[in-house]
Amino acid sequence: MNKKLYDFETFRSISNYTMNEFKNTKPSAINSVSVQKYRIMVELVDESDDIIQDRLIDLYLKSDNHYHTSGINDYCKIHYKKSIQEIIKERKK
């Protein structure tokens, strides 16, 4: 049997919706024939706060959409207890 292996990294958040998309517990012939099983393992890549903050700063500085920047700021407040502007100021020191 020919095995296809897919190994990739993503920045997509693995939400309940995403997980349910993969949790197909029965074989199916709707739209396409799905009779082979796959094992999927989701692993969070361990990265330092500096790397993640660099990405956040880059996204923030390149964005011209306040909806995106408000989401970045909210993320920073939840995960780092400070605004993206505070993180940028600290990095400049």
Protein backbone atom coordinates (compact mmCIF):
# COMPACT_ATOMS: atom_id res chain seq x y z
CA MET A 1 0.00 0.00 0.00
CA ASN A 2 1.28 3.44 -0.90
CA LYS A 3 1.40 5.73 2.14
CA LYS A 4 1.09 9.47 1.70
CA LEU A 5 2.55 11.44 4.57
CA TYR A 6 1.67 15.06 5.05
CA ASP A 7 3.89 16.92 7.44
CA PHE A 8 3.38 20.67 7.70
CA GLU A 9 3.17 23.54 10.14
CA THR A 10 0.40 26.09 10.22
CA PHE A 11 -0.49 29.32 11.95
CA ARG A 12 -4.15 28.36 11.84
CA SER A 13 -5.70 28.01 15.26
CA ILE A 14 -7.01 24.50 15.89
CA SER A 15 -10.53 25.27 17.03
CA ASN A 16 -13.37 22.88 17.83
CA TYR A 17 -14.70 23.47 14.32
CA THR A 18 -11.37 22.45 12.78
CA MET A 19 -11.17 19.36 14.98
CA ASN A 20 -14.71 18.33 14.05
CA GLU A 21 -13.83 18.62 10.36
CA PHE A 22 -11.30 15.82 10.90
CA LYS A 23 -13.44 13.69 13.23
CA ASN A 24 -15.16 11.65 10.57
CA THR A 25 -15.83 8.45 12.51
CA LYS A 26 -17.57 6.43 9.79
CA PRO A 27 -16.66 5.52 6.21
CA SER A 28 -18.56 7.58 3.67
CA ALA A 29 -19.40 7.73 -0.04
CA ILE A 30 -20.93 11.22 0.03
CA ASN A 31 -19.15 13.56 -2.44
CA SER A 32 -16.13 11.22 -2.45
CA VAL A 33 -15.31 7.75 -1.21
CA SER A 34 -13.64 7.88 2.22
CA VAL A 35 -12.81 4.39 3.44
CA GLN A 36 -9.19 4.63 4.61
CA LYS A 37 -8.31 5.83 8.10
CA TYR A 38 -5.79 8.56 8.90
CA ARG A 39 -4.23 9.38 12.24
CA ILE A 40 -3.86 13.10 12.88
CA MET A 41 -1.84 14.54 15.73
CA VAL A 42 -1.88 18.25 16.51
CA GLU A 43 1.13 19.59 18.38
CA LEU A 44 1.71 23.16 19.45
CA VAL A 45 5.16 24.28 18.33
CA ASP A 46 7.07 25.57 21.35
CA GLU A 47 8.43 29.03 20.52
CA SER A 48 9.81 31.78 22.71
CA ASP A 49 7.81 34.89 23.57
CA ASP A 50 10.38 36.93 21.64
CA ILE A 51 9.63 35.09 18.39
CA ILE A 52 5.88 35.42 18.86
CA GLN A 53 6.16 39.09 19.82
CA ASP A 54 8.33 39.73 16.74
CA ARG A 55 5.53 38.30 14.59
CA LEU A 56 2.90 40.37 16.39
CA ILE A 57 4.94 43.55 15.93
CA ASP A 58 5.52 42.78 12.25
CA LEU A 59 1.80 42.16 11.67
CA TYR A 60 0.89 45.30 13.60
CA LEU A 61 3.31 47.57 11.73
CA LYS A 62 2.30 46.22 8.31
CA SER A 63 -1.44 46.44 8.94
CA ASP A 64 -3.56 49.28 7.66
CA ASN A 65 -6.79 47.82 9.03
CA HIS A 66 -7.88 48.76 12.54
CA TYR A 67 -9.84 45.51 12.85
CA HIS A 68 -6.58 43.58 12.51
CA THR A 69 -4.64 45.82 14.87
CA SER A 70 -7.34 45.64 17.53
CA GLY A 71 -7.17 41.83 17.39
CA ILE A 72 -3.38 41.98 17.75
CA ASN A 73 -3.72 44.33 20.71
CA ASP A 74 -6.33 42.07 22.34
CA TYR A 75 -4.02 39.05 21.89
CA CYS A 76 -1.16 40.94 23.57
CA LYS A 77 -3.33 42.02 26.48
CA ILE A 78 -4.53 38.45 27.06
CA HIS A 79 -1.17 36.69 26.67
CA TYR A 80 1.31 39.35 27.86
CA LYS A 81 -0.85 41.65 30.04
CA LYS A 82 0.24 44.70 28.01
CA SER A 83 -0.69 46.42 24.76
CA ILE A 84 1.18 45.96 21.51
CA GLN A 85 2.35 49.59 21.84
CA GLU A 86 3.90 48.79 25.23
CA ILE A 87 5.66 45.75 23.78
CA ILE A 88 7.06 47.84 20.92
CA LYS A 89 8.32 50.51 23.36
CA GLU A 90 10.01 47.86 25.52
CA ARG A 91 11.75 46.40 22.45
CA LYS A 92 13.14 49.81 21.45
CA LYS A 93 14.94 50.22 24.81
